[in-house]
């Protein structure tokens, strides 16, 4: 990111990205490790957060946690091309 800002300049970088995001879901586990993937439509980012999976809707600025728990922290997440199935792998 630092190299990108140096390459295109700070003002151009600020025009390219909306940096006005509010924090949400601050209570609980934090991202530690694992894959971060985009949904097939490109509107959401899916990431492991401890032993749960969070989905961040970039278009509507909303986040939610998928309602299942693993016994150990999740380290890998993948999704099929249609977004109908997701596979997660944990540390244990």
C-alpha atoms as a PDB file:
ATOM      1  CA  UNK A   1       0.000   0.000   0.000  1.00  0.00           C
ATOM      2  CA  UNK A   2       2.815   2.384   0.853  1.00  0.00           C
ATOM      3  CA  UNK A   3       4.463   1.713  -2.526  1.00  0.00           C
ATOM      4  CA  UNK A   4       1.148   2.290  -4.310  1.00  0.00           C
ATOM      5  CA  UNK A   5       0.752   5.665  -2.604  1.00  0.00           C
ATOM      6  CA  UNK A   6       4.315   6.609  -3.585  1.00  0.00           C
ATOM      7  CA  UNK A   7       3.666   5.526  -7.165  1.00  0.00           C
ATOM      8  CA  UNK A   8       0.385   7.369  -7.788  1.00  0.00           C
ATOM      9  CA  UNK A   9       0.549  10.089  -5.106  1.00  0.00           C
ATOM     10  CA  UNK A  10      -1.608  10.632  -2.035  1.00  0.00           C
ATOM     11  CA  UNK A  11      -4.272  12.799  -3.683  1.00  0.00           C
ATOM     12  CA  UNK A  12      -4.801  10.310  -6.524  1.00  0.00           C
ATOM     13  CA  UNK A  13      -4.960   7.467  -3.995  1.00  0.00           C
ATOM     14  CA  UNK A  14      -7.612   9.301  -1.947  1.00  0.00           C
ATOM     15  CA  UNK A  15      -9.710   9.784  -5.087  1.00  0.00           C
ATOM     16  CA  UNK A  16      -9.482   6.059  -5.900  1.00  0.00           C
ATOM     17  CA  UNK A  17     -10.592   4.787  -2.491  1.00  0.00           C
ATOM     18  CA  UNK A  18     -13.372   5.778  -0.137  1.00  0.00           C
ATOM     19  CA  UNK A  19     -11.543   5.932   3.193  1.00  0.00           C
ATOM     20  CA  UNK A  20     -14.582   7.032   5.209  1.00  0.00           C
ATOM     21  CA  UNK A  21     -15.497   3.731   6.921  1.00  0.00           C
ATOM     22  CA  UNK A  22     -17.012   3.359  10.385  1.00  0.00           C
ATOM     23  CA  UNK A  23     -16.034   0.586  12.779  1.00  0.00           C
ATOM     24  CA  UNK A  24     -18.636  -2.069  13.478  1.00  0.00           C
ATOM     25  CA  UNK A  25     -18.636  -5.358  15.404  1.00  0.00           C
ATOM     26  CA  UNK A  26     -15.718  -4.267  17.599  1.00  0.00           C
ATOM     27  CA  UNK A  27     -16.512  -6.667  20.444  1.00  0.00           C
ATOM     28  CA  UNK A  28     -15.158 -10.173  20.035  1.00  0.00           C
ATOM     29  CA  UNK A  29     -12.285 -11.896  18.336  1.00  0.00           C
ATOM     30  CA  UNK A  30     -10.064 -10.186  15.785  1.00  0.00           C
ATOM     31  CA  UNK A  31      -8.641 -11.315  12.463  1.00  0.00           C
ATOM     32  CA  UNK A  32      -5.427 -13.234  13.130  1.00  0.00           C
ATOM     33  CA  UNK A  33      -4.659 -15.522  10.231  1.00  0.00           C
ATOM     34  CA  UNK A  34      -6.144 -17.151   7.180  1.00  0.00           C
ATOM     35  CA  UNK A  35      -7.501 -16.349   3.773  1.00  0.00           C
ATOM     36  CA  UNK A  36      -9.533 -13.291   2.920  1.00  0.00           C
ATOM     37  CA  UNK A  37     -11.675 -13.915  -0.161  1.00  0.00           C
ATOM     38  CA  UNK A  38     -14.160 -11.956  -2.246  1.00  0.00           C
ATOM     39  CA  UNK A  39     -17.669 -13.194  -2.968  1.00  0.00           C
ATOM     40  CA  UNK A  40     -18.313 -14.191  -6.606  1.00  0.00           C
ATOM     41  CA  UNK A  41     -20.140 -10.898  -7.267  1.00  0.00           C
ATOM     42  CA  UNK A  42     -17.228  -8.917  -5.766  1.00  0.00           C
ATOM     43  CA  UNK A  43     -19.472  -7.019  -3.341  1.00  0.00           C
ATOM     44  CA  UNK A  44     -18.379  -8.807  -0.144  1.00  0.00           C
ATOM     45  CA  UNK A  45     -15.177  -9.836   1.614  1.00  0.00           C
ATOM     46  CA  UNK A  46     -15.260 -13.079   3.601  1.00  0.00           C
ATOM     47  CA  UNK A  47     -12.668 -13.669   6.327  1.00  0.00           C
ATOM     48  CA  UNK A  48     -12.046 -15.960   9.280  1.00  0.00           C
ATOM     49  CA  UNK A  49     -12.281 -14.198  12.635  1.00  0.00           C
ATOM     50  CA  UNK A  50     -11.190 -16.584  15.339  1.00  0.00           C
ATOM     51  CA  UNK A  51     -13.515 -19.580  15.155  1.00  0.00           C
ATOM     52  CA  UNK A  52     -16.204 -17.813  13.100  1.00  0.00           C
ATOM     53  CA  UNK A  53     -16.496 -16.382   9.586  1.00  0.00           C
ATOM     54  CA  UNK A  54     -17.388 -12.737   8.989  1.00  0.00           C
ATOM     55  CA  UNK A  55     -18.873 -11.344   5.799  1.00  0.00           C
ATOM     56  CA  UNK A  56     -18.293  -7.659   5.080  1.00  0.00           C
ATOM     57  CA  UNK A  57     -20.744  -6.257   2.528  1.00  0.00           C
ATOM     58  CA  UNK A  58     -18.681  -3.535   0.848  1.00  0.00           C
ATOM     59  CA  UNK A  59     -21.546  -2.200  -1.224  1.00  0.00           C
ATOM     60  CA  UNK A  60     -23.936  -1.605   1.695  1.00  0.00           C
ATOM     61  CA  UNK A  61     -21.303  -1.076   4.457  1.00  0.00           C
ATOM     62  CA  UNK A  62     -22.700  -3.906   6.613  1.00  0.00           C
ATOM     63  CA  UNK A  63     -20.959  -6.821   8.299  1.00  0.00           C
ATOM     64  CA  UNK A  64     -22.370 -10.040   9.693  1.00  0.00           C
ATOM     65  CA  UNK A  65     -21.047 -13.208  11.256  1.00  0.00           C
ATOM     66  CA  UNK A  66     -22.067 -16.592   9.890  1.00  0.00           C
ATOM     67  CA  UNK A  67     -23.829 -18.537  12.641  1.00  0.00           C
ATOM     68  CA  UNK A  68     -21.648 -21.568  13.140  1.00  0.00           C
ATOM     69  CA  UNK A  69     -18.752 -22.170  15.501  1.00  0.00           C
ATOM     70  CA  UNK A  70     -15.670 -24.300  15.052  1.00  0.00           C
ATOM     71  CA  UNK A  71     -13.781 -25.750  18.000  1.00  0.00           C
ATOM     72  CA  UNK A  72     -10.517 -24.096  16.839  1.00  0.00           C
ATOM     73  CA  UNK A  73      -9.553 -20.957  14.924  1.00  0.00           C
ATOM     74  CA  UNK A  74     -10.332 -21.033  11.214  1.00  0.00           C
ATOM     75  CA  UNK A  75      -7.258 -20.779   8.973  1.00  0.00           C
ATOM     76  CA  UNK A  76      -8.668 -21.236   5.453  1.00  0.00           C
ATOM     77  CA  UNK A  77     -11.876 -20.249   3.686  1.00  0.00           C
ATOM     78  CA  UNK A  78     -12.913 -20.958   0.103  1.00  0.00           C
ATOM     79  CA  UNK A  79     -16.144 -20.616  -1.849  1.00  0.00           C
ATOM     80  CA  UNK A  80     -17.486 -22.136  -5.059  1.00  0.00           C
ATOM     81  CA  UNK A  81     -18.049 -19.994  -8.174  1.00  0.00           C
ATOM     82  CA  UNK A  82     -21.752 -19.402  -7.489  1.00  0.00           C
ATOM     83  CA  UNK A  83     -21.336 -18.544  -3.810  1.00  0.00           C
ATOM     84  CA  UNK A  84     -23.735 -21.259  -2.692  1.00  0.00           C
ATOM     85  CA  UNK A  85     -21.162 -23.342  -0.761  1.00  0.00           C
ATOM     86  CA  UNK A  86     -18.234 -22.444   1.467  1.00  0.00           C
ATOM     87  CA  UNK A  87     -15.546 -24.715   2.889  1.00  0.00           C
ATOM     88  CA  UNK A  88     -13.595 -23.772   6.021  1.00  0.00           C
ATOM     89  CA  UNK A  89     -10.591 -25.427   7.626  1.00  0.00           C
ATOM     90  CA  UNK A  90      -9.530 -24.947  11.234  1.00  0.00           C
ATOM     91  CA  UNK A  91      -6.295 -25.381  13.201  1.00  0.00           C
ATOM     92  CA  UNK A  92      -7.346 -28.577  14.937  1.00  0.00           C
END
